[in-house]
Protein backbone atom coordinates (compact mmCIF):
# COMPACT_ATOMS: atom_id res chain seq x y z
CA MET A 1 112.00 5.21 51.05
CA GLU A 2 112.15 8.59 49.20
CA GLU A 3 108.46 9.13 50.34
CA ARG A 4 108.99 7.94 53.72
CA ASP A 5 111.75 10.79 54.04
CA THR A 6 109.65 13.41 52.24
CA MET A 7 107.27 12.82 55.03
CA ILE A 8 109.59 12.70 57.82
CA LYS A 9 110.46 16.36 56.72
CA TRP A 10 107.28 17.62 56.32
CA LYS A 11 106.21 16.82 59.77
CA LYS A 12 109.38 18.48 61.54
CA LEU A 13 108.57 21.32 59.42
CA ALA A 14 104.92 21.01 60.95
CA ALA A 15 106.23 20.97 64.16
CA THR A 16 108.18 23.67 63.59
CA VAL A 17 105.59 26.01 62.68
CA VAL A 18 102.98 24.86 65.28
CA ALA A 19 105.89 25.38 68.05
CA ALA A 20 106.78 28.78 66.58
CA ALA A 21 103.35 29.70 66.30
CA ALA A 22 102.55 28.47 70.10
CA ALA A 23 105.91 30.93 70.95
CA VAL A 24 104.12 33.84 68.89
CA SER A 25 101.12 33.23 70.78
CA CYS A 26 102.41 33.46 74.03
CA VAL A 27 104.25 36.55 73.48
CA GLY A 28 100.85 38.38 72.62
CA CYS A 29 99.33 36.79 75.62
CA GLY A 30 102.48 37.98 77.72
CA ASN A 31 101.87 41.56 76.43
CA GLN A 32 98.23 41.65 76.86
CA ALA A 33 98.68 40.59 80.22
CA LEU A 34 101.06 43.31 80.77
CA ALA A 35 99.10 45.95 79.03
CA TYR A 36 95.84 44.74 81.07
CA PRO A 37 96.51 43.83 84.41
CA LEU A 38 93.09 43.00 85.31
CA THR A 39 89.40 42.45 83.86
CA ILE A 40 87.09 43.30 86.07
CA ASP A 41 82.87 42.32 85.08
CA GLY A 42 84.40 42.56 81.42
CA VAL A 43 85.98 45.68 81.48
CA LYS A 44 89.91 45.72 80.47
CA ILE A 45 91.75 47.85 83.18
CA LYS A 46 94.90 49.61 81.22
CA ALA A 47 98.24 49.16 83.04
CA GLY A 48 98.52 52.96 83.32
CA ILE A 49 95.48 53.18 85.28
CA TYR A 50 96.13 50.32 87.71
CA ILE A 51 99.75 52.06 88.14
CA TYR A 52 97.89 54.88 88.83
CA TYR A 53 95.63 53.96 91.40
CA SER A 54 98.40 51.66 93.08
CA TYR A 55 100.38 54.44 93.70
CA GLN A 56 97.62 56.51 95.30
CA ALA A 57 96.88 53.84 97.67
CA TYR A 58 100.73 53.55 98.23
CA THR A 59 100.85 57.57 99.42
CA GLU A 60 97.29 56.79 101.28
CA ALA A 61 99.36 53.91 102.89
CA THR A 62 102.46 56.21 103.90
CA SER A 63 100.00 59.46 105.26
CA THR A 64 97.99 56.52 107.32
CA ILE A 65 101.25 55.28 108.74
CA GLN A 66 102.40 58.71 109.33
CA LYS A 67 98.92 59.33 111.37
CA GLN A 68 99.85 55.85 113.38
CA ASN A 69 103.30 57.12 114.21
CA SER A 70 104.65 60.43 113.30
CA ASP A 71 108.38 59.75 114.19
CA LEU A 72 108.36 57.33 111.67
CA ASP A 73 110.33 57.68 107.93
CA THR A 74 107.95 56.99 105.35
CA THR A 75 110.20 57.86 102.45
CA ASP A 76 112.24 54.66 103.37
CA GLU A 77 110.35 51.65 101.91
CA GLU A 78 111.65 49.13 104.46
CA VAL A 79 109.96 51.04 107.06
CA VAL A 80 106.86 51.22 105.27
CA LYS A 81 106.57 47.60 104.34
CA ALA A 82 107.22 46.56 108.15
CA GLN A 83 103.91 48.46 109.49
CA THR A 84 100.34 47.02 109.74
CA ILE A 85 97.23 49.06 108.21
CA ASP A 86 93.87 47.65 109.75
CA GLY A 87 95.82 44.68 110.45
CA LYS A 88 97.20 44.08 107.57
CA ASP A 89 100.78 44.55 106.45
CA ALA A 90 101.29 47.38 104.45
CA GLU A 91 102.27 45.65 101.01
CA THR A 92 99.14 43.64 101.26
CA TRP A 93 96.92 46.52 102.61
CA ILE A 94 98.69 48.24 99.47
CA LYS A 95 97.62 45.63 97.08
CA ASP A 96 94.08 45.31 98.13
CA ARG A 97 93.04 49.21 98.10
CA THR A 98 94.65 49.54 94.76
CA MET A 99 92.18 46.80 93.75
CA GLU A 100 89.31 48.88 95.58
CA TYR A 101 90.22 51.50 93.33
CA CYS A 102 90.35 50.05 90.13
CA LYS A 103 86.88 48.23 91.12
CA GLU A 104 85.74 51.45 92.14
CA PHE A 105 86.21 52.77 88.47
CA VAL A 106 84.59 50.16 87.04
CA ALA A 107 81.45 51.15 89.06
CA ILE A 108 81.75 54.21 88.38
CA GLN A 109 82.07 53.55 84.32
CA LYS A 110 79.13 51.24 84.18
CA ASP A 111 76.54 53.28 86.35
CA PHE A 112 77.32 56.00 84.33
CA ASP A 113 76.62 54.38 81.20
CA ALA A 114 73.52 52.35 82.95
CA LYS A 115 71.69 55.78 83.77
CA GLY A 116 72.28 56.98 80.46
CA LEU A 117 74.19 60.27 81.48
CA GLU A 118 76.63 62.07 79.59
CA LEU A 119 79.44 64.59 80.12
CA THR A 120 79.08 68.20 78.97
CA THR A 121 81.53 69.64 76.12
CA GLU A 122 82.74 72.14 78.74
CA GLN A 123 83.37 69.00 81.29
CA THR A 124 85.28 67.00 78.52
CA ASN A 125 87.47 70.23 77.31
CA GLN A 126 88.13 71.15 81.17
CA VAL A 127 90.08 67.76 81.28
CA LYS A 128 92.15 67.85 77.77
CA ASN A 129 93.10 71.43 79.05
CA TYR A 130 94.00 69.94 82.44
CA ILE A 131 95.42 66.78 81.09
CA SER A 132 97.85 68.93 78.35
CA SER A 133 99.00 71.22 81.11
CA ALA A 134 100.04 68.66 83.56
CA TRP A 135 101.69 66.27 81.31
CA ASP A 136 103.58 69.77 79.48
CA SER A 137 105.29 69.74 83.15
CA SER A 138 105.03 66.07 84.53
CA GLY A 139 104.69 64.20 81.27
CA GLU A 140 108.00 62.33 81.23
CA THR A 141 107.52 61.37 85.21
CA PHE A 142 104.18 59.95 84.66
CA GLU A 143 105.32 57.99 81.13
CA LYS A 144 108.65 56.82 82.77
CA ASN A 145 106.49 55.09 85.50
CA GLY A 146 104.33 53.49 82.93
CA ILE A 147 101.55 55.72 82.77
CA ALA A 148 100.28 56.74 79.43
CA GLU A 149 98.36 59.91 78.85
CA SER A 150 95.24 58.54 77.62
CA SER A 151 95.12 56.80 81.32
CA VAL A 152 94.92 59.76 83.09
CA GLN A 153 92.79 61.44 81.00
CA ASP A 154 90.24 58.07 81.48
CA ILE A 155 90.90 58.99 85.49
CA PHE A 156 90.26 62.37 85.33
CA LEU A 157 86.67 61.68 83.03
CA SER A 158 86.21 59.16 85.69
CA THR A 159 85.92 62.27 88.46
CA TYR A 160 83.68 64.56 86.39
CA LYS A 161 81.33 61.06 86.18
CA GLU A 162 81.57 60.64 89.54
CA GLN A 163 80.37 64.16 90.33
CA GLU A 164 77.36 63.51 87.88
CA LEU A 165 76.50 60.25 89.23
CA PHE A 166 76.28 61.96 92.53
CA GLN A 167 73.94 64.85 91.63
CA HIS A 168 71.91 61.91 89.92
CA TYR A 169 71.28 60.65 93.04
CA TYR A 170 71.75 63.11 96.09
CA GLY A 171 71.48 66.30 93.80
CA ALA A 172 68.27 68.54 94.57
CA ASP A 173 65.55 66.32 93.00
CA GLY A 174 67.29 63.38 92.50
CA GLU A 175 66.67 59.79 92.66
CA LYS A 176 67.19 59.42 96.35
CA GLY A 177 64.94 62.25 96.84
CA VAL A 178 66.75 64.96 98.54
CA THR A 179 64.82 68.59 97.96
CA GLU A 180 65.88 71.66 97.67
CA ASP A 181 64.45 72.99 101.18
CA GLU A 182 66.10 70.21 102.80
CA LEU A 183 69.77 71.52 101.07
CA LYS A 184 68.70 75.01 102.59
CA LYS A 185 68.07 73.70 105.76
CA TYR A 186 71.53 71.51 106.19
CA TYR A 187 73.37 74.90 104.76
CA GLU A 188 71.83 77.68 107.30
CA ASP A 189 71.90 75.04 110.26
CA ASN A 190 75.77 74.62 109.50
CA ASP A 191 76.97 77.94 107.91
CA ALA A 192 77.74 81.53 109.78
CA ARG A 193 77.41 84.57 108.09
CA VAL A 194 79.61 87.08 110.90
CA ARG A 195 81.73 90.01 110.71
CA TYR A 196 84.36 90.37 112.63
CA ILE A 197 87.48 92.26 113.51
CA THR A 198 90.50 90.99 115.14
CA PHE A 199 92.44 93.36 117.39
CA ASP A 200 96.27 91.39 118.29
CA LEU A 201 97.51 91.81 121.31
CA LYS A 202 101.17 92.88 120.26
CA ASP A 203 103.27 95.56 120.08
CA GLY A 204 104.64 97.37 117.30
CA ASN A 205 107.75 95.07 116.93
CA GLY A 206 105.16 92.00 116.98
CA ASP A 207 105.75 91.06 120.85
CA LEU A 208 102.98 89.93 122.78
CA LEU A 209 101.81 92.84 125.12
CA LYS A 210 102.23 93.13 128.87
CA ASP A 211 99.38 93.47 130.90
CA ASP A 212 98.86 97.05 130.90
CA GLY A 213 98.83 97.01 127.04
CA LYS A 214 96.42 94.10 127.43
CA LYS A 215 94.11 96.16 129.72
CA GLU A 216 94.45 99.27 127.11
CA MET A 217 93.63 97.23 124.32
CA LYS A 218 90.52 95.39 125.88
CA SER A 219 89.58 99.03 127.15
CA MET A 220 89.30 100.06 123.38
CA VAL A 221 87.40 97.01 122.42
CA GLU A 222 84.94 97.34 124.94
CA ASP A 223 84.35 100.76 123.72
CA TYR A 224 83.69 99.68 120.47
CA LEU A 225 81.09 96.96 121.79
CA SER A 226 79.55 99.33 123.43
CA VAL A 227 78.71 101.91 120.48
CA LEU A 228 77.91 98.86 118.19
CA LYS A 229 75.51 97.56 120.91
CA THR A 230 73.14 100.61 120.33
CA LEU A 231 72.60 100.14 116.78
CA LYS A 232 70.04 97.93 115.69
CA ASP A 233 70.08 97.61 112.01
CA GLU A 234 72.31 95.73 110.20
CA ASP A 235 73.41 97.98 107.42
CA ALA A 236 74.68 100.38 110.75
CA ILE A 237 76.33 97.46 112.48
CA ASN A 238 78.16 97.12 109.22
CA ASP A 239 79.22 100.94 108.78
CA LYS A 240 80.37 100.94 112.10
CA MET A 241 82.25 97.76 111.46
CA ASP A 242 84.16 99.54 108.64
CA THR A 243 84.81 102.53 110.57
CA ILE A 244 86.32 100.89 113.54
CA GLN A 245 88.13 98.68 111.08
CA GLU A 246 90.15 101.75 109.40
CA GLU A 247 91.00 103.48 112.83
CA TYR A 248 92.28 100.07 113.90
CA ASN A 249 93.98 99.55 110.77
CA ALA A 250 95.45 103.46 111.66
CA TYR A 251 96.40 102.11 115.02
CA VAL A 252 98.42 99.69 113.92
CA THR A 253 100.39 101.83 111.17
CA SER A 254 100.94 104.21 114.06
CA ILE A 255 102.39 102.17 116.44
CA SER A 256 104.56 100.28 113.81
CA GLU A 257 106.01 103.28 112.58
CA GLU A 258 106.69 104.08 116.50
CA ALA A 259 108.42 100.75 116.89
CA ALA A 260 110.55 101.74 113.79
CA ALA A 261 111.34 105.38 114.85
CA ALA A 262 112.65 103.98 118.14
CA THR A 263 115.28 101.48 116.32
CA ALA A 264 116.19 104.78 114.09
CA THR A 265 120.33 104.50 113.93
CA SER A 266 122.17 107.64 112.64
CA ALA A 267 126.04 107.93 111.52
CA THR A 268 128.69 110.26 110.29
CA ASP A 269 130.76 110.04 107.36
CA GLU A 270 134.61 110.21 106.95
CA ASN A 271 134.25 114.25 107.31
CA GLY A 272 132.54 113.98 110.64
CA ASN A 273 129.06 115.28 108.96
CA GLU A 274 126.27 113.64 110.57
CA ILE A 275 124.26 111.17 107.78
CA PRO A 276 120.52 111.31 108.13
CA ALA A 277 119.21 108.47 110.29
CA THR A 278 117.84 105.40 109.05
CA THR A 279 114.90 102.71 110.40
CA THR A 280 114.83 99.21 111.00
CA ALA A 281 111.47 98.31 108.71
CA THR A 282 109.05 96.90 111.10
CA THR A 283 106.15 94.69 109.21
CA ALA A 284 102.98 95.26 111.13
CA THR A 285 99.88 93.05 110.50
CA THR A 286 96.52 94.53 109.64
CA THR A 287 93.30 92.66 108.91
CA SER A 288 92.33 93.89 105.35
CA ALA A 289 88.94 93.40 104.55
CA GLU A 290 87.68 90.80 102.25
CA THR A 291 84.75 88.42 101.60
CA THR A 292 86.29 84.73 102.53
CA THR A 293 84.12 81.61 102.42
CA VAL A 294 85.51 79.12 105.20
CA THR A 295 84.03 75.62 104.10
CA THR A 296 84.46 72.12 104.63
CA VAL A 297 84.75 69.96 101.09
CA ALA A 298 84.03 66.04 100.60
CA ALA A 299 86.61 64.88 98.28
CA ASP A 300 87.35 61.80 97.16
CA ALA A 301 90.08 60.39 95.35
CA GLU A 302 90.55 63.87 95.87
CA SER A 303 88.44 67.11 95.45
CA ASP A 304 87.75 68.13 94.79
CA SER A 305 85.34 69.31 92.56
CA GLU A 306 87.83 71.54 94.44
CA ALA A 307 90.66 69.88 93.59
CA GLU A 308 91.05 66.87 91.79
CA THR A 309 87.65 67.24 92.97
CA THR A 310 88.35 63.76 94.74
CA ALA A 311 86.46 62.76 97.59
CA GLY A 312 87.35 62.18 100.81
CA THR A 313 87.36 64.53 103.77
CA GLU A 314 89.64 67.83 104.32
CA GLU A 315 90.35 70.04 106.93
CA THR A 316 88.01 73.23 107.12
CA VAL A 317 89.63 75.30 104.41
CA THR A 318 89.10 79.05 103.97
CA ARG A 319 88.03 80.26 99.63
CA ALA A 320 87.31 83.07 98.10
CA ALA A 321 83.91 84.08 98.00
CA SER A 322 81.90 84.52 94.80
CA ASP A 323 82.92 87.61 92.84
CA ALA A 324 79.75 89.46 93.56
CA ASP A 325 81.01 89.53 97.20
CA SER A 326 84.32 89.71 96.96
CA SER A 327 85.74 92.73 95.17
CA ASP A 328 85.13 96.52 94.83
CA GLU A 329 83.03 97.62 91.60
CA THR A 330 83.55 100.45 89.49
CA THR A 331 81.02 102.07 87.72
CA THR A 332 81.63 104.93 85.05
CA THR A 333 78.86 107.26 84.72
CA THR A 334 78.41 109.38 81.39
CA VAL A 335 76.92 112.76 82.18
CA SER A 336 75.44 114.58 78.82
CA GLY A 337 73.28 117.56 78.33
CA ALA A 338 76.08 120.03 78.48
CA THR A 339 75.55 123.58 77.38
CA GLU A 340 76.73 124.85 74.15
CA GLU A 341 79.77 126.03 75.59
CA GLU A 342 80.77 122.96 77.22
CA SER A 343 80.23 121.21 73.86
CA SER A 344 82.01 117.44 75.33
CA ASP A 345 80.45 115.17 77.91
CA THR A 346 81.79 114.42 80.78
CA THR A 347 82.94 110.95 82.35
CA GLU A 348 82.83 110.79 85.85
CA THR A 349 84.01 107.48 87.61
CA THR A 350 82.87 106.16 90.86
CA THR A 351 83.78 103.51 92.61
CA THR A 352 81.25 101.33 95.25
CA THR A 353 82.04 98.73 97.62
CA ALA A 354 80.22 95.45 97.15
CA PRO A 355 77.51 95.14 99.85
CA TYR A 356 79.10 91.91 101.79
CA ALA A 357 82.75 92.65 100.77
CA ASN A 358 83.79 92.12 104.64
CA GLU A 359 81.71 89.42 105.58
CA SER A 360 82.57 85.85 105.93
CA ILE A 361 80.82 82.55 105.80
CA ILE A 362 82.07 79.92 108.15
CA THR A 363 81.45 76.31 108.12
CA LYS A 364 81.08 74.00 110.84
CA VAL A 365 83.80 71.82 111.13
CA SER A 366 82.91 68.53 108.99
CA THR A 367 81.98 65.32 111.15
CA THR A 368 84.95 63.33 109.68
CA ASP A 369 86.98 66.27 111.01
CA GLU A 370 85.35 65.82 114.77
CA LYS A 371 86.45 62.20 114.45
CA ASP A 372 90.37 63.56 113.84
CA LYS A 373 89.87 66.07 117.05
CA ASP A 374 93.08 64.04 118.56
CA ASN A 375 95.23 65.50 115.78
CA GLU A 376 94.04 69.19 116.77
CA ASP A 377 96.44 71.06 114.50
CA SER A 378 94.91 69.37 111.42
CA ILE A 379 91.76 71.58 112.01
CA ASN A 380 91.90 75.07 111.05
CA TYR A 381 89.18 77.31 112.92
CA THR A 382 88.02 80.38 111.60
CA PRO A 383 88.94 83.03 113.26
CA SER A 384 90.10 80.93 116.02
CA LYS A 385 89.04 77.71 117.51
CA LYS A 386 87.79 80.07 120.56
CA ALA A 387 85.75 82.42 118.39
CA TYR A 388 84.30 79.73 116.37
CA GLU A 389 82.41 77.87 119.07
CA ALA A 390 81.34 81.19 120.43
CA ILE A 391 79.87 81.86 116.85
CA PHE A 392 78.04 78.52 116.79
CA ASN A 393 77.24 77.87 120.23
CA ASP A 394 76.78 81.52 121.98
CA ALA A 395 76.34 84.12 119.19
CA LYS A 396 72.56 85.59 118.51
CA THR A 397 71.71 87.31 115.56
CA ASP A 398 72.35 91.18 115.43
CA VAL A 399 74.20 91.07 118.83
CA PRO A 400 77.80 91.92 118.49
CA PHE A 401 80.08 90.74 121.09
CA ILE A 402 84.11 90.19 122.22
CA VAL A 403 86.16 87.18 122.45
CA GLU A 404 89.08 87.07 124.21
CA ASP A 405 91.91 84.83 123.21
CA ASP A 406 95.40 84.30 124.05
CA GLU A 407 97.06 86.35 121.18
CA ALA A 408 94.00 88.56 120.14
CA TYR A 409 90.51 90.21 120.82
CA TYR A 410 87.93 89.13 118.10
CA LEU A 411 85.02 91.73 117.96
CA ILE A 412 82.08 89.95 116.58
CA VAL A 413 78.65 89.88 115.00
CA ARG A 414 76.63 86.72 113.35
CA PHE A 415 74.20 88.10 111.04
CA ASP A 416 71.04 86.26 109.71
CA ILE A 417 72.27 83.99 106.40
CA THR A 418 68.95 83.73 105.18
CA LYS A 419 68.69 87.42 103.84
CA ARG A 420 71.56 86.25 101.34
CA MET A 421 70.15 83.06 100.57
CA THR A 422 69.36 84.28 96.71
CA ASP A 423 70.27 82.55 93.71
CA ASP A 424 72.64 85.59 92.65
CA ASP A 425 74.48 85.34 96.03
CA LEU A 426 75.10 82.76 98.56
CA TRP A 427 72.29 80.09 97.39
CA THR A 428 74.02 79.54 93.66
CA GLU A 429 73.31 76.26 91.48
CA ASP A 430 77.11 75.52 92.42
CA GLN A 431 76.41 76.34 96.17
CA MET A 432 73.78 73.97 96.01
CA LYS A 433 75.69 71.29 94.56
CA ALA A 434 78.44 71.78 97.46
CA VAL A 435 75.87 71.68 99.99
CA ALA A 436 74.56 68.19 98.84
CA SER A 437 78.11 66.93 98.62
CA ARG A 438 78.86 68.16 102.36
CA LYS A 439 76.00 66.59 103.18
CA TYR A 440 75.41 63.18 101.44
CA TRP A 441 78.92 62.51 100.11
CA ASP A 442 79.63 59.87 102.77
CA ASN A 443 75.85 58.45 101.85
CA PHE A 444 77.61 58.02 97.99
CA THR A 445 80.99 56.59 98.89
CA ASP A 446 79.10 54.04 100.62
CA ASP A 447 76.90 53.49 97.62
CA LYS A 448 80.01 53.20 95.35
CA LYS A 449 81.52 50.85 97.73
CA GLU A 450 78.61 48.60 97.17
CA MET A 451 78.59 48.55 93.84
CA ALA A 452 82.43 47.92 93.61
CA ASN A 453 82.10 44.55 95.92
CA ALA A 454 79.26 43.40 93.66
CA LEU A 455 82.05 43.38 90.69
CA ASN A 456 83.69 40.22 89.72
CA ILE A 457 87.52 39.98 88.60
CA ASP A 458 87.68 37.89 85.64
CA GLN A 459 91.04 37.91 85.32
CA GLN A 460 94.45 39.08 87.06
CA SER A 461 98.07 38.99 86.16
CA ASP A 462 100.41 38.11 89.00
CA ARG A 463 103.18 38.95 86.50
CA ALA A 464 101.89 42.52 85.75
CA ILE A 465 100.70 42.79 89.41
CA LYS A 466 104.26 42.64 90.71
CA LYS A 467 106.27 43.97 87.66
CA TYR A 468 103.69 47.09 88.70
CA ASP A 469 104.71 47.51 92.22
CA PRO A 470 104.43 50.43 93.77
CA PHE A 471 107.70 50.32 95.70
CA LYS A 472 109.11 50.53 92.33
CA LEU A 473 107.96 53.67 90.96
CA ASP A 474 109.75 56.94 91.58
CA PHE A 475 107.74 60.49 91.03
CA SER A 476 110.39 62.38 92.69
CA SER A 477 112.04 62.87 88.72
CA SER A 478 111.85 63.40 85.53
CA SER A 479 113.20 60.93 83.03
CA SER A 480 112.82 59.95 79.19
CA SER A 481 110.85 56.92 79.10
CA SER A 482 107.49 55.50 78.28
CA ASN A 483 105.45 52.41 78.59
């Protein structure tokens, strides 16, 4: 009897141990599932990466909804949930898009390794520095939404890997067979090297000129054009454009001062003595000469190599050209060989202007932007739509012309861009990479999607996906909690 009781006790104890072990195992599985909501083709996706892409999909959805109906309040989650995108309800679209981002992330890691590519120390340090800066300003916000620093770092490293993969395939002499000559031809066909001066049709107070004022301005611009047309040399045209710009700036300053003087007021003090007149300042806008490059970059989860270097599409933007083009150069010359009476060397400082400091490189609006022409306000034409079209459709090399727009006259000349296609000017290694991105990024995006679609989802935690609902995320404020 005693032996039987002992056996029963041992069985109960064993059952308790097994149950406890099963419970611990269950908790471990639950935590594991929350830590890694997805496993794609053998690669575990961290919760922070999933949440990051979930929020990115959410913001992409709200942006799309805004384009579909700008009157909708996309800050109201119920409004967002009630919308459809590509035939799907918004919630389903966001979940599917998040999954696409995660699969593309894995596709990039796998292909990068398969091609034997490596990031440089400089690239990894750039990511570390960026993450360090971002965490100082926004770390609490990331962490309260369940995104760890390591997850953001993995995502940004992936964008660098993506760029390297792109160059491997579509860079000059890459796997897809793109040549440097092909990239040069594309650049020459899609970028215009121009010099222009904007003559605002406004008076000193900033109001649009009346008919007489417009006629006077037109006459002045036509006189300038007549002189420019007598010049056949590019340097001579540029020199004259410098003079015209200076004269126009002086003109704008003078009418501004006249407008200010016209509003001058005077008063007397308590003893009846006149107080000197004061003027109401009027700010006039003059066109300062500087080198700018107007370009359209392809960006993906953004771009940029120009931003988060994520590529996709972006409206035409203006950015600074290379240092060699955009700033004045100061040269210090030491004059030696003085006489005994002039026992010390004399130092003479001269300032020279970079040869192309006042030119602009204007890029054609991208194909993607053309598709969005129903939203004309989103396209940034330089210097204006009418002038832009004249530059690309009508302009002849070294032949100045005028474009008359609603609020300005433009005096423009298009120069031969091939004269500046050298590796220390317009055709640098970085420029070559940028042109490849402009021309072939859509092709690479299709390749990336194809690679991602070929991957299998090995494991998916519905519990985790429900927990990491993007509608519950809050990037508007900071609070101290981490996950």
